[in-house]
Amino acid sequence: MQQTDFDAKRQQLLAAGVFMMDPSAVYVEDTVQVGAGTLLLPGTILRGDTVIGANCEIGPNTMLTNCTVGDHAKINSSQCEDSSIASRCEVGPFAHLRPHSVLEEGSKIGAFVQLKNCNLGQGTKMAHLTYVGDSDVGPGCNFGCGTVTCNYDGKVKSRTTIGANVFIGCQTKFIPPVSVGDGAYIAAGTTITDDVPEHSFVIGRSRQVVKQDWSDKRK
């Protein structure tokens, strides 16, 4: 698109009730739809068949390509492609939604979280430093930082399935194909290699060994 085309699109959106803090720093392709009451902050780039609902806050420094965003969603300093973000979701800062990611209502995806080809249930939260790929996650789950789905073994991509209301401790690793039942609790530092029954507690990590006065002897 030419600069004049961006100018015309900005004016069209402003006339339809979209807000922009600095219109000259917002770039929206002609095919994009944005609902009234939505605020587009500086550095926002909206591309392709993106559709944004009403009363959202997009940006700063956010790029959406072929995405659907529900009402009252917030996306901050993030990049999303070919994904669906339901109403009242929060994404970012510094999150990356790769293609075929679906966030249901009220999900929260925080700093340095990457999703790929996965479905997240209503109200599921990943605050920071998490990678979830090729996964189906139920509602009400909480992911601790450093959680990773090890979905690719070099030849095959396998899927992780996590039920509803699962608590996932920090630094958990999933080795799929694997499933976790509803209400399970996974201790921090656990590597999941087998299916986890619902409402169970699972811990899989090395035992701590303490060697008294070791550091003094080493000196």
N, C-alpha and C. Protein backbone atom coordinates (compact mmCIF):
# COMPACT_ATOMS: atom_id res chain seq x y z
N MET A 1 0.82 -1.20 0.00
CA MET A 1 0.00 0.00 0.00
C MET A 1 0.86 1.26 0.00
N GLN A 2 0.37 2.29 -0.65
CA GLN A 2 1.04 3.57 -0.66
C GLN A 2 0.68 4.35 0.61
N GLN A 3 1.51 5.37 0.93
CA GLN A 3 1.25 6.17 2.12
C GLN A 3 -0.13 6.80 2.08
N THR A 4 -0.55 7.23 0.87
CA THR A 4 -1.89 7.84 0.75
C THR A 4 -2.99 6.84 1.08
N ASP A 5 -2.76 5.55 0.77
CA ASP A 5 -3.74 4.53 1.10
C ASP A 5 -3.85 4.36 2.62
N PHE A 6 -2.69 4.37 3.32
CA PHE A 6 -2.71 4.29 4.78
C PHE A 6 -3.44 5.49 5.38
N ASP A 7 -3.20 6.67 4.81
CA ASP A 7 -3.87 7.88 5.30
C ASP A 7 -5.38 7.75 5.17
N ALA A 8 -5.84 7.24 4.04
CA ALA A 8 -7.28 7.09 3.81
C ALA A 8 -7.88 6.08 4.78
N LYS A 9 -7.17 4.99 5.03
CA LYS A 9 -7.67 3.97 5.97
C LYS A 9 -7.73 4.52 7.39
N ARG A 10 -6.72 5.29 7.77
CA ARG A 10 -6.74 5.90 9.10
C ARG A 10 -7.96 6.80 9.27
N GLN A 11 -8.21 7.63 8.28
CA GLN A 11 -9.35 8.55 8.36
C GLN A 11 -10.67 7.78 8.41
N GLN A 12 -10.74 6.70 7.67
CA GLN A 12 -11.95 5.88 7.69
C GLN A 12 -12.20 5.30 9.08
N LEU A 13 -11.15 4.79 9.71
CA LEU A 13 -11.27 4.20 11.04
C LEU A 13 -11.60 5.26 12.09
N LEU A 14 -10.94 6.40 12.01
CA LEU A 14 -11.22 7.47 12.97
C LEU A 14 -12.68 7.92 12.87
N ALA A 15 -13.19 8.00 11.66
CA ALA A 15 -14.59 8.40 11.47
C ALA A 15 -15.56 7.35 12.00
N ALA A 16 -15.10 6.10 12.09
CA ALA A 16 -15.95 5.01 12.57
C ALA A 16 -15.83 4.79 14.08
N GLY A 17 -15.08 5.67 14.77
CA GLY A 17 -15.01 5.58 16.22
C GLY A 17 -13.81 4.85 16.77
N VAL A 18 -12.80 4.60 15.93
CA VAL A 18 -11.54 4.00 16.39
C VAL A 18 -10.62 5.12 16.87
N PHE A 19 -9.91 4.89 17.98
CA PHE A 19 -9.02 5.90 18.54
C PHE A 19 -7.57 5.59 18.19
N MET A 20 -6.78 6.65 17.96
CA MET A 20 -5.35 6.50 17.71
C MET A 20 -4.62 7.62 18.44
N MET A 21 -3.64 7.24 19.26
CA MET A 21 -2.85 8.24 19.97
C MET A 21 -2.03 9.07 19.00
N ASP A 22 -1.46 8.39 17.99
CA ASP A 22 -0.66 9.06 16.97
C ASP A 22 -0.97 8.39 15.63
N PRO A 23 -1.95 8.89 14.89
CA PRO A 23 -2.36 8.23 13.65
C PRO A 23 -1.22 7.99 12.67
N SER A 24 -0.23 8.86 12.64
CA SER A 24 0.86 8.71 11.68
C SER A 24 1.74 7.51 11.99
N ALA A 25 1.63 6.96 13.20
CA ALA A 25 2.44 5.81 13.60
C ALA A 25 1.65 4.51 13.59
N VAL A 26 0.48 4.51 12.95
CA VAL A 26 -0.37 3.32 12.85
C VAL A 26 -0.54 2.96 11.38
N TYR A 27 -0.37 1.68 11.05
CA TYR A 27 -0.46 1.22 9.66
C TYR A 27 -1.48 0.09 9.57
N VAL A 28 -2.53 0.34 8.84
CA VAL A 28 -3.63 -0.62 8.73
C VAL A 28 -3.94 -0.85 7.25
N GLU A 29 -3.86 -2.11 6.82
CA GLU A 29 -4.19 -2.41 5.43
C GLU A 29 -5.69 -2.30 5.20
N ASP A 30 -6.05 -2.08 3.96
CA ASP A 30 -7.45 -1.78 3.61
C ASP A 30 -8.40 -2.92 3.93
N THR A 31 -7.90 -4.16 3.96
CA THR A 31 -8.75 -5.33 4.20
C THR A 31 -9.09 -5.54 5.68
N VAL A 32 -8.47 -4.78 6.56
CA VAL A 32 -8.63 -4.96 8.00
C VAL A 32 -9.91 -4.29 8.49
N GLN A 33 -10.55 -4.91 9.49
CA GLN A 33 -11.73 -4.33 10.14
C GLN A 33 -11.42 -4.10 11.62
N VAL A 34 -11.84 -2.92 12.13
CA VAL A 34 -11.59 -2.58 13.54
C VAL A 34 -12.87 -2.02 14.13
N GLY A 35 -13.28 -2.52 15.30
CA GLY A 35 -14.51 -2.09 15.93
C GLY A 35 -14.39 -0.75 16.64
N ALA A 36 -15.52 -0.09 16.83
CA ALA A 36 -15.57 1.21 17.49
C ALA A 36 -15.09 1.11 18.93
N GLY A 37 -14.42 2.17 19.38
CA GLY A 37 -13.93 2.21 20.75
C GLY A 37 -12.57 1.57 20.95
N THR A 38 -12.05 0.94 19.93
CA THR A 38 -10.72 0.32 20.02
C THR A 38 -9.63 1.38 19.91
N LEU A 39 -8.59 1.24 20.73
CA LEU A 39 -7.46 2.16 20.72
C LEU A 39 -6.28 1.49 20.04
N LEU A 40 -5.75 2.12 18.99
CA LEU A 40 -4.56 1.64 18.29
C LEU A 40 -3.39 2.53 18.69
N LEU A 41 -2.44 1.95 19.42
CA LEU A 41 -1.31 2.71 19.93
C LEU A 41 -0.17 2.75 18.90
N PRO A 42 0.79 3.65 19.06
CA PRO A 42 1.88 3.79 18.08
C PRO A 42 2.62 2.48 17.85
N GLY A 43 3.01 2.28 16.59
CA GLY A 43 3.72 1.08 16.20
C GLY A 43 2.82 -0.09 15.88
N THR A 44 1.51 0.12 15.84
CA THR A 44 0.57 -0.95 15.50
C THR A 44 0.54 -1.15 13.99
N ILE A 45 0.65 -2.42 13.56
CA ILE A 45 0.56 -2.78 12.14
C ILE A 45 -0.49 -3.88 12.02
N LEU A 46 -1.53 -3.64 11.26
CA LEU A 46 -2.61 -4.61 11.08
C LEU A 46 -2.67 -5.00 9.62
N ARG A 47 -2.59 -6.32 9.35
CA ARG A 47 -2.43 -6.79 7.98
C ARG A 47 -3.44 -7.87 7.63
N GLY A 48 -3.62 -8.03 6.32
CA GLY A 48 -4.41 -9.15 5.79
C GLY A 48 -5.87 -9.07 6.18
N ASP A 49 -6.43 -10.23 6.58
CA ASP A 49 -7.85 -10.33 6.91
C ASP A 49 -8.10 -10.19 8.41
N THR A 50 -7.31 -9.40 9.07
CA THR A 50 -7.46 -9.19 10.51
C THR A 50 -8.79 -8.49 10.81
N VAL A 51 -9.48 -9.00 11.84
CA VAL A 51 -10.73 -8.40 12.31
C VAL A 51 -10.61 -8.20 13.81
N ILE A 52 -10.76 -6.95 14.26
CA ILE A 52 -10.64 -6.61 15.67
C ILE A 52 -11.97 -6.10 16.18
N GLY A 53 -12.39 -6.58 17.34
CA GLY A 53 -13.67 -6.20 17.91
C GLY A 53 -13.67 -4.80 18.50
N ALA A 54 -14.69 -4.53 19.31
CA ALA A 54 -14.87 -3.21 19.90
C ALA A 54 -14.13 -3.09 21.22
N ASN A 55 -13.73 -1.86 21.54
CA ASN A 55 -13.17 -1.51 22.85
C ASN A 55 -11.93 -2.33 23.21
N CYS A 56 -11.10 -2.60 22.22
CA CYS A 56 -9.83 -3.28 22.44
C CYS A 56 -8.71 -2.26 22.61
N GLU A 57 -7.56 -2.73 23.04
CA GLU A 57 -6.35 -1.91 23.07
C GLU A 57 -5.24 -2.69 22.39
N ILE A 58 -4.75 -2.16 21.26
CA ILE A 58 -3.76 -2.86 20.45
C ILE A 58 -2.49 -2.01 20.41
N GLY A 59 -1.37 -2.61 20.78
CA GLY A 59 -0.11 -1.90 20.79
C GLY A 59 0.29 -1.48 22.19
N PRO A 60 1.41 -0.75 22.28
CA PRO A 60 2.24 -0.29 21.17
C PRO A 60 3.06 -1.42 20.56
N ASN A 61 3.58 -1.14 19.37
CA ASN A 61 4.54 -2.04 18.70
C ASN A 61 4.00 -3.46 18.57
N THR A 62 2.85 -3.58 17.93
CA THR A 62 2.19 -4.87 17.76
C THR A 62 1.87 -5.08 16.28
N MET A 63 2.10 -6.32 15.79
CA MET A 63 1.72 -6.64 14.42
C MET A 63 0.81 -7.86 14.41
N LEU A 64 -0.36 -7.69 13.80
CA LEU A 64 -1.33 -8.77 13.66
C LEU A 64 -1.53 -9.05 12.18
N THR A 65 -1.43 -10.32 11.80
CA THR A 65 -1.62 -10.73 10.41
C THR A 65 -2.67 -11.83 10.36
N ASN A 66 -3.77 -11.56 9.67
CA ASN A 66 -4.85 -12.56 9.50
C ASN A 66 -5.33 -13.10 10.85
N CYS A 67 -5.58 -12.20 11.79
CA CYS A 67 -6.03 -12.60 13.12
C CYS A 67 -7.44 -12.11 13.39
N THR A 68 -8.15 -12.83 14.27
CA THR A 68 -9.45 -12.40 14.75
C THR A 68 -9.32 -12.10 16.24
N VAL A 69 -9.77 -10.92 16.64
CA VAL A 69 -9.64 -10.48 18.03
C VAL A 69 -11.03 -10.08 18.54
N GLY A 70 -11.44 -10.64 19.68
CA GLY A 70 -12.75 -10.34 20.25
C GLY A 70 -12.78 -9.01 20.98
N ASP A 71 -13.95 -8.63 21.45
CA ASP A 71 -14.13 -7.37 22.16
C ASP A 71 -13.33 -7.32 23.46
N HIS A 72 -12.91 -6.12 23.83
CA HIS A 72 -12.25 -5.85 25.12
C HIS A 72 -10.93 -6.61 25.29
N ALA A 73 -10.30 -7.02 24.20
CA ALA A 73 -9.00 -7.69 24.29
C ALA A 73 -7.87 -6.66 24.33
N LYS A 74 -6.73 -7.08 24.90
CA LYS A 74 -5.55 -6.22 24.94
C LYS A 74 -4.35 -6.99 24.40
N ILE A 75 -3.65 -6.39 23.45
CA ILE A 75 -2.46 -7.02 22.87
C ILE A 75 -1.35 -5.98 22.88
N ASN A 76 -0.30 -6.26 23.64
CA ASN A 76 0.74 -5.28 23.91
C ASN A 76 2.10 -5.78 23.40
N SER A 77 2.69 -5.03 22.49
CA SER A 77 4.06 -5.30 22.03
C SER A 77 4.26 -6.76 21.66
N SER A 78 3.40 -7.27 20.78
CA SER A 78 3.43 -8.69 20.43
C SER A 78 3.20 -8.88 18.94
N GLN A 79 3.45 -10.11 18.48
CA GLN A 79 3.24 -10.45 17.07
C GLN A 79 2.39 -11.71 16.98
N CYS A 80 1.33 -11.64 16.17
CA CYS A 80 0.39 -12.76 16.06
C CYS A 80 0.07 -12.98 14.58
N GLU A 81 0.04 -14.28 14.21
CA GLU A 81 -0.25 -14.61 12.81
C GLU A 81 -1.29 -15.72 12.73
N ASP A 82 -2.29 -15.54 11.89
CA ASP A 82 -3.26 -16.59 11.56
C ASP A 82 -3.81 -17.24 12.82
N SER A 83 -4.21 -16.43 13.77
CA SER A 83 -4.67 -16.94 15.06
C SER A 83 -5.96 -16.25 15.48
N SER A 84 -6.61 -16.83 16.50
CA SER A 84 -7.88 -16.31 16.99
C SER A 84 -7.75 -15.99 18.48
N ILE A 85 -8.09 -14.77 18.85
CA ILE A 85 -7.97 -14.30 20.22
C ILE A 85 -9.35 -13.84 20.66
N ALA A 86 -9.94 -14.51 21.63
CA ALA A 86 -11.33 -14.23 22.02
C ALA A 86 -11.41 -12.97 22.88
N SER A 87 -12.63 -12.62 23.24
CA SER A 87 -12.88 -11.41 24.01
C SER A 87 -12.21 -11.48 25.38
N ARG A 88 -11.78 -10.32 25.86
CA ARG A 88 -11.19 -10.14 27.19
C ARG A 88 -9.89 -10.93 27.39
N CYS A 89 -9.25 -11.33 26.32
CA CYS A 89 -7.92 -11.93 26.43
C CYS A 89 -6.88 -10.83 26.59
N GLU A 90 -5.75 -11.19 27.19
CA GLU A 90 -4.61 -10.29 27.30
C GLU A 90 -3.38 -11.00 26.75
N VAL A 91 -2.68 -10.32 25.85
CA VAL A 91 -1.50 -10.91 25.21
C VAL A 91 -0.34 -9.92 25.33
N GLY A 92 0.81 -10.41 25.78
CA GLY A 92 2.01 -9.60 25.83
C GLY A 92 2.29 -9.04 27.21
N PRO A 93 3.39 -8.27 27.31
CA PRO A 93 4.24 -7.85 26.19
C PRO A 93 5.18 -8.95 25.71
N PHE A 94 5.65 -8.79 24.48
CA PHE A 94 6.67 -9.64 23.88
C PHE A 94 6.23 -11.09 23.74
N ALA A 95 4.98 -11.30 23.38
CA ALA A 95 4.47 -12.64 23.09
C ALA A 95 4.44 -12.86 21.59
N HIS A 96 4.45 -14.15 21.20
CA HIS A 96 4.39 -14.50 19.77
C HIS A 96 3.39 -15.63 19.59
N LEU A 97 2.31 -15.33 18.89
CA LEU A 97 1.33 -16.35 18.53
C LEU A 97 1.58 -16.74 17.09
N ARG A 98 2.10 -17.95 16.91
CA ARG A 98 2.33 -18.47 15.57
C ARG A 98 1.04 -19.07 15.02
N PRO A 99 1.01 -19.42 13.73
CA PRO A 99 -0.25 -19.82 13.11
C PRO A 99 -1.00 -20.94 13.83
N HIS A 100 -2.34 -20.83 13.73
CA HIS A 100 -3.29 -21.82 14.23
C HIS A 100 -3.31 -21.90 15.75
N SER A 101 -3.16 -20.75 16.39
CA SER A 101 -3.33 -20.68 17.84
C SER A 101 -4.70 -20.07 18.14
N VAL A 102 -5.39 -20.67 19.11
CA VAL A 102 -6.73 -20.22 19.48
C VAL A 102 -6.76 -19.97 20.98
N LEU A 103 -7.11 -18.74 21.37
CA LEU A 103 -7.25 -18.37 22.77
C LEU A 103 -8.72 -18.13 23.05
N GLU A 104 -9.27 -18.89 24.00
CA GLU A 104 -10.67 -18.67 24.37
C GLU A 104 -10.77 -17.53 25.39
N GLU A 105 -11.99 -17.12 25.68
CA GLU A 105 -12.25 -15.91 26.44
C GLU A 105 -11.48 -15.85 27.76
N GLY A 106 -10.87 -14.68 28.01
CA GLY A 106 -10.22 -14.43 29.28
C GLY A 106 -8.85 -15.06 29.45
N SER A 107 -8.30 -15.67 28.42
CA SER A 107 -6.95 -16.23 28.53
C SER A 107 -5.92 -15.11 28.63
N LYS A 108 -4.83 -15.39 29.31
CA LYS A 108 -3.78 -14.39 29.47
C LYS A 108 -2.43 -14.99 29.08
N ILE A 109 -1.78 -14.35 28.11
CA ILE A 109 -0.50 -14.80 27.59
C ILE A 109 0.50 -13.68 27.83
N GLY A 110 1.51 -13.91 28.69
CA GLY A 110 2.37 -12.83 29.12
C GLY A 110 3.70 -12.73 28.40
N ALA A 111 4.68 -12.19 29.11
CA ALA A 111 5.96 -11.84 28.51
C ALA A 111 6.75 -13.07 28.07
N PHE A 112 7.24 -13.01 26.83
CA PHE A 112 8.10 -14.05 26.26
C PHE A 112 7.43 -15.42 26.28
N VAL A 113 6.17 -15.44 25.90
CA VAL A 113 5.43 -16.68 25.69
C VAL A 113 5.23 -16.87 24.19
N GLN A 114 5.48 -18.10 23.71
CA GLN A 114 5.24 -18.41 22.31
C GLN A 114 4.28 -19.59 22.21
N LEU A 115 3.27 -19.43 21.35
CA LEU A 115 2.31 -20.49 21.09
C LEU A 115 2.37 -20.85 19.62
N LYS A 116 2.13 -22.15 19.32
CA LYS A 116 2.09 -22.59 17.93
C LYS A 116 1.11 -23.74 17.79
N ASN A 117 0.12 -23.57 16.93
CA ASN A 117 -0.81 -24.65 16.61
C ASN A 117 -1.40 -25.26 17.89
N CYS A 118 -1.97 -24.39 18.73
CA CYS A 118 -2.52 -24.90 19.97
C CYS A 118 -3.83 -24.20 20.32
N ASN A 119 -4.60 -24.84 21.18
CA ASN A 119 -5.88 -24.32 21.63
C ASN A 119 -5.84 -24.16 23.15
N LEU A 120 -6.16 -22.96 23.62
CA LEU A 120 -6.18 -22.69 25.05
C LEU A 120 -7.61 -22.44 25.51
N GLY A 121 -8.01 -23.10 26.59
CA GLY A 121 -9.35 -22.96 27.11
C GLY A 121 -9.56 -21.64 27.84
N GLN A 122 -10.79 -21.38 28.17
CA GLN A 122 -11.19 -20.14 28.81
C GLN A 122 -10.44 -19.92 30.12
N GLY A 123 -9.88 -18.72 30.27
CA GLY A 123 -9.24 -18.34 31.51
C GLY A 123 -7.90 -18.96 31.79
N THR A 124 -7.32 -19.68 30.86
CA THR A 124 -6.00 -20.28 31.06
C THR A 124 -4.93 -19.18 31.02
N LYS A 125 -3.91 -19.32 31.88
CA LYS A 125 -2.91 -18.26 32.04
C LYS A 125 -1.49 -18.79 31.88
N MET A 126 -0.70 -18.04 31.13
CA MET A 126 0.74 -18.28 31.00
C MET A 126 1.42 -16.94 31.17
N ALA A 127 1.95 -16.68 32.35
CA ALA A 127 2.44 -15.33 32.65
C ALA A 127 3.72 -14.98 31.91
N HIS A 128 4.64 -15.95 31.76
CA HIS A 128 5.93 -15.59 31.17
C HIS A 128 6.78 -16.81 30.85
N LEU A 129 7.68 -16.62 29.88
CA LEU A 129 8.76 -17.58 29.59
C LEU A 129 8.26 -19.00 29.38
N THR A 130 7.35 -19.16 28.44
CA THR A 130 6.74 -20.47 28.20
C THR A 130 6.62 -20.71 26.70
N TYR A 131 6.83 -21.97 26.29
CA TYR A 131 6.56 -22.37 24.90
C TYR A 131 5.56 -23.52 24.91
N VAL A 132 4.45 -23.33 24.21
CA VAL A 132 3.45 -24.39 24.07
C VAL A 132 3.14 -24.54 22.58
N GLY A 133 3.46 -25.72 22.04
CA GLY A 133 3.21 -25.98 20.63
C GLY A 133 2.48 -27.30 20.44
N ASP A 134 1.64 -27.36 19.43
CA ASP A 134 0.91 -28.59 19.09
C ASP A 134 0.20 -29.15 20.32
N SER A 135 -0.63 -28.33 20.95
CA SER A 135 -1.24 -28.72 22.22
C SER A 135 -2.70 -28.30 22.30
N ASP A 136 -3.45 -29.05 23.11
CA ASP A 136 -4.83 -28.71 23.45
C ASP A 136 -4.90 -28.57 24.96
N VAL A 137 -5.25 -27.38 25.43
CA VAL A 137 -5.24 -27.07 26.85
C VAL A 137 -6.65 -26.66 27.27
N GLY A 138 -7.14 -27.24 28.36
CA GLY A 138 -8.47 -26.95 28.84
C GLY A 138 -8.57 -25.61 29.55
N PRO A 139 -9.75 -25.30 30.08
CA PRO A 139 -9.96 -24.02 30.76
C PRO A 139 -9.37 -24.02 32.17
N GLY A 140 -9.07 -22.81 32.65
CA GLY A 140 -8.67 -22.65 34.04
C GLY A 140 -7.31 -23.18 34.41
N CYS A 141 -6.43 -23.38 33.45
CA CYS A 141 -5.10 -23.89 33.76
C CYS A 141 -4.13 -22.75 34.06
N ASN A 142 -3.11 -23.06 34.85
CA ASN A 142 -2.07 -22.09 35.16
C ASN A 142 -0.70 -22.69 34.85
N PHE A 143 0.08 -21.99 34.02
CA PHE A 143 1.40 -22.45 33.61
C PHE A 143 2.48 -21.65 34.33
N GLY A 144 3.37 -22.32 35.05
CA GLY A 144 4.51 -21.65 35.64
C GLY A 144 5.55 -21.31 34.59
N CYS A 145 6.43 -20.37 34.92
CA CYS A 145 7.44 -19.93 33.95
C CYS A 145 8.40 -21.06 33.62
N GLY A 146 8.90 -21.02 32.40
CA GLY A 146 9.85 -22.04 31.95
C GLY A 146 9.23 -23.33 31.49
N THR A 147 7.90 -23.37 31.37
CA THR A 147 7.23 -24.58 30.90
C THR A 147 7.42 -24.73 29.39
N VAL A 148 7.70 -25.96 28.95
CA VAL A 148 7.95 -26.22 27.53
C VAL A 148 7.27 -27.52 27.12
N THR A 149 6.59 -27.50 25.98
CA THR A 149 6.15 -28.74 25.34
C THR A 149 7.20 -29.12 24.30
N CYS A 150 7.80 -30.28 24.49
CA CYS A 150 8.89 -30.73 23.60
C CYS A 150 8.26 -31.49 22.43
N ASN A 151 7.60 -30.74 21.56
CA ASN A 151 6.70 -31.34 20.58
C ASN A 151 7.39 -31.91 19.34
N TYR A 152 8.68 -31.68 19.18
CA TYR A 152 9.36 -32.10 17.95
C TYR A 152 10.61 -32.89 18.30
N ASP A 153 10.70 -34.13 17.81
CA ASP A 153 11.85 -34.97 18.12
C ASP A 153 12.88 -35.02 16.99
N GLY A 154 12.73 -34.12 16.02
CA GLY A 154 13.63 -34.09 14.88
C GLY A 154 13.03 -34.69 13.63
N LYS A 155 11.98 -35.54 13.83
CA LYS A 155 11.30 -36.15 12.69
C LYS A 155 9.78 -35.98 12.77
N VAL A 156 9.23 -36.15 13.97
CA VAL A 156 7.78 -36.16 14.15
C VAL A 156 7.37 -35.09 15.15
N LYS A 157 6.25 -34.39 14.86
CA LYS A 157 5.66 -33.46 15.81
C LYS A 157 4.49 -34.15 16.49
N SER A 158 4.54 -34.18 17.82
CA SER A 158 3.52 -34.89 18.60
C SER A 158 2.75 -33.90 19.46
N ARG A 159 1.56 -34.33 19.90
CA ARG A 159 0.63 -33.42 20.55
C ARG A 159 0.55 -33.68 22.06
N THR A 160 0.40 -32.59 22.81
CA THR A 160 0.17 -32.64 24.24
C THR A 160 -1.27 -32.26 24.52
N THR A 161 -1.94 -33.02 25.39
CA THR A 161 -3.32 -32.72 25.77
C THR A 161 -3.39 -32.51 27.27
N ILE A 162 -3.91 -31.35 27.68
CA ILE A 162 -3.99 -30.99 29.09
C ILE A 162 -5.44 -30.66 29.41
N GLY A 163 -5.97 -31.26 30.47
CA GLY A 163 -7.37 -31.07 30.83
C GLY A 163 -7.65 -29.74 31.49
N ALA A 164 -8.77 -29.66 32.19
CA ALA A 164 -9.21 -28.42 32.83
C ALA A 164 -8.60 -28.27 34.22
N ASN A 165 -8.36 -27.00 34.61
CA ASN A 165 -7.94 -26.65 35.97
C ASN A 165 -6.68 -27.40 36.41
N VAL A 166 -5.73 -27.49 35.52
CA VAL A 166 -4.45 -28.13 35.82
C VAL A 166 -3.46 -27.07 36.26
N PHE A 167 -2.73 -27.35 37.35
CA PHE A 167 -1.66 -26.46 37.80
C PHE A 167 -0.33 -27.05 37.35
N ILE A 168 0.44 -26.22 36.63
CA ILE A 168 1.70 -26.68 36.05
C ILE A 168 2.83 -25.86 36.66
N GLY A 169 3.67 -26.50 37.46
CA GLY A 169 4.75 -25.81 38.15
C GLY A 169 5.83 -25.33 37.19
N CYS A 170 6.65 -24.40 37.68
CA CYS A 170 7.73 -23.83 36.87
C CYS A 170 8.68 -24.91 36.37
N GLN A 171 9.22 -24.67 35.19
CA GLN A 171 10.22 -25.56 34.58
C GLN A 171 9.71 -26.97 34.33
N THR A 172 8.42 -27.09 34.04
CA THR A 172 7.87 -28.40 33.66
C THR A 172 8.13 -28.64 32.17
N LYS A 173 8.50 -29.86 31.84
CA LYS A 173 8.71 -30.26 30.45
C LYS A 173 7.74 -31.39 30.10
N PHE A 174 7.05 -31.25 28.97
CA PHE A 174 6.16 -32.30 28.48
C PHE A 174 6.82 -32.98 27.29
N ILE A 175 6.90 -34.33 27.34
CA ILE A 175 7.46 -35.10 26.24
C ILE A 175 6.30 -35.85 25.57
N PRO A 176 5.70 -35.26 24.54
CA PRO A 176 4.51 -35.87 23.94
C PRO A 176 4.86 -37.02 23.00
N PRO A 177 3.85 -37.83 22.64
CA PRO A 177 2.43 -37.64 22.97
C PRO A 177 2.14 -37.99 24.43
N VAL A 178 1.47 -37.09 25.12
CA VAL A 178 1.17 -37.28 26.53
C VAL A 178 -0.10 -36.50 26.86
N SER A 179 -0.85 -36.99 27.86
CA SER A 179 -2.07 -36.29 28.26
C SER A 179 -2.08 -36.13 29.78
N VAL A 180 -2.72 -35.04 30.23
CA VAL A 180 -2.83 -34.73 31.65
C VAL A 180 -4.30 -34.57 31.98
N GLY A 181 -4.78 -35.29 32.98
CA GLY A 181 -6.19 -35.26 33.33
C GLY A 181 -6.59 -34.00 34.07
N ASP A 182 -7.90 -33.76 34.15
CA ASP A 182 -8.45 -32.59 34.82
C ASP A 182 -7.96 -32.52 36.27
N GLY A 183 -7.70 -31.30 36.72
CA GLY A 183 -7.40 -31.07 38.12
C GLY A 183 -6.07 -31.59 38.61
N ALA A 184 -5.21 -32.03 37.73
CA ALA A 184 -3.90 -32.53 38.16
C ALA A 184 -2.99 -31.40 38.62
N TYR A 185 -2.02 -31.74 39.44
CA TYR A 185 -1.06 -30.77 39.97
C TYR A 185 0.34 -31.30 39.67
N ILE A 186 1.11 -30.51 38.93
CA ILE A 186 2.45 -30.94 38.51
C ILE A 186 3.48 -30.10 39.26
N ALA A 187 4.38 -30.76 39.98
CA ALA A 187 5.38 -30.05 40.77
C ALA A 187 6.42 -29.39 39.87
N ALA A 188 6.99 -28.30 40.36
CA ALA A 188 8.02 -27.58 39.62
C ALA A 188 9.19 -28.50 39.31
N GLY A 189 9.75 -28.32 38.11
CA GLY A 189 10.93 -29.08 37.71
C GLY A 189 10.66 -30.49 37.23
N THR A 190 9.39 -30.81 36.99
CA THR A 190 9.02 -32.16 36.59
C THR A 190 9.10 -32.32 35.07
N THR A 191 9.54 -33.49 34.62
CA THR A 191 9.48 -33.87 33.21
C THR A 191 8.40 -34.93 33.06
N ILE A 192 7.38 -34.61 32.25
CA ILE A 192 6.23 -35.50 32.06
C ILE A 192 6.49 -36.38 30.84
N THR A 193 6.64 -37.69 31.07
CA THR A 193 6.86 -38.63 29.98
C THR A 193 5.72 -39.62 29.81
N ASP A 194 4.82 -39.68 30.82
CA ASP A 194 3.68 -40.61 30.80
C ASP A 194 2.41 -39.85 31.12
N ASP A 195 1.27 -40.42 30.75
CA ASP A 195 -0.01 -39.78 31.02
C ASP A 195 -0.20 -39.57 32.52
N VAL A 196 -0.85 -38.46 32.86
CA VAL A 196 -1.10 -38.10 34.26
C VAL A 196 -2.59 -38.25 34.54
N PRO A 197 -2.99 -39.06 35.52
CA PRO A 197 -4.41 -39.23 35.83
C PRO A 197 -5.02 -37.93 36.38
N GLU A 198 -6.32 -37.79 36.24
CA GLU A 198 -6.98 -36.59 36.76
C GLU A 198 -6.88 -36.53 38.28
N HIS A 199 -6.81 -35.28 38.78
CA HIS A 199 -6.79 -34.99 40.22
C HIS A 199 -5.61 -35.64 40.95
N SER A 200 -4.54 -35.91 40.24
CA SER A 200 -3.37 -36.52 40.86
C SER A 200 -2.27 -35.48 41.04
N PHE A 201 -1.29 -35.83 41.84
CA PHE A 201 -0.08 -35.02 42.03
C PHE A 201 1.08 -35.79 41.42
N VAL A 202 1.88 -35.11 40.61
CA VAL A 202 3.00 -35.78 39.96
C VAL A 202 4.27 -34.96 40.18
N ILE A 203 5.34 -35.67 40.52
CA ILE A 203 6.65 -35.04 40.69
C ILE A 203 7.70 -35.96 40.08
N GLY A 204 8.56 -35.41 39.25
CA GLY A 204 9.59 -36.21 38.60
C GLY A 204 10.85 -35.40 38.43
N ARG A 205 11.69 -35.40 39.47
CA ARG A 205 12.94 -34.66 39.41
C ARG A 205 13.97 -35.34 40.32
N SER A 206 15.23 -35.01 40.14
CA SER A 206 16.30 -35.60 40.93
C SER A 206 16.21 -35.15 42.38
N ARG A 207 16.58 -36.04 43.29
CA ARG A 207 16.61 -35.68 44.71
C ARG A 207 17.79 -34.76 45.00
N GLN A 208 17.57 -33.84 45.92
CA GLN A 208 18.64 -32.93 46.32
C GLN A 208 19.65 -33.66 47.19
N VAL A 209 20.94 -33.45 46.92
CA VAL A 209 22.02 -34.02 47.72
C VAL A 209 22.82 -32.88 48.34
N VAL A 210 23.00 -32.90 49.65
CA VAL A 210 23.76 -31.87 50.35
C VAL A 210 25.03 -32.49 50.93
N LYS A 211 26.17 -31.92 50.59
CA LYS A 211 27.46 -32.39 51.11
C LYS A 211 28.00 -31.32 52.06
N GLN A 212 27.90 -31.61 53.34
CA GLN A 212 28.29 -30.65 54.36
C GLN A 212 29.76 -30.26 54.23
N ASP A 213 30.04 -28.97 54.39
CA ASP A 213 31.40 -28.41 54.42
C ASP A 213 32.18 -28.66 53.14
N TRP A 214 31.49 -29.00 52.06
CA TRP A 214 32.18 -29.31 50.79
C TRP A 214 32.92 -28.09 50.26
N SER A 215 32.30 -26.93 50.31
CA SER A 215 32.92 -25.75 49.72
C SER A 215 34.17 -25.33 50.49
N ASP A 216 34.16 -25.47 51.81
CA ASP A 216 35.35 -25.12 52.58
C ASP A 216 36.52 -26.05 52.25
N LYS A 217 36.22 -27.35 52.08
CA LYS A 217 37.28 -28.30 51.75
C LYS A 217 37.86 -28.02 50.36
N ARG A 218 36.97 -27.59 49.43
CA ARG A 218 37.42 -27.31 48.07
C ARG A 218 38.38 -26.12 48.04
N LYS A 219 38.14 -25.15 48.91
CA LYS A 219 39.03 -23.99 48.97
C LYS A 219 40.43 -24.39 49.44
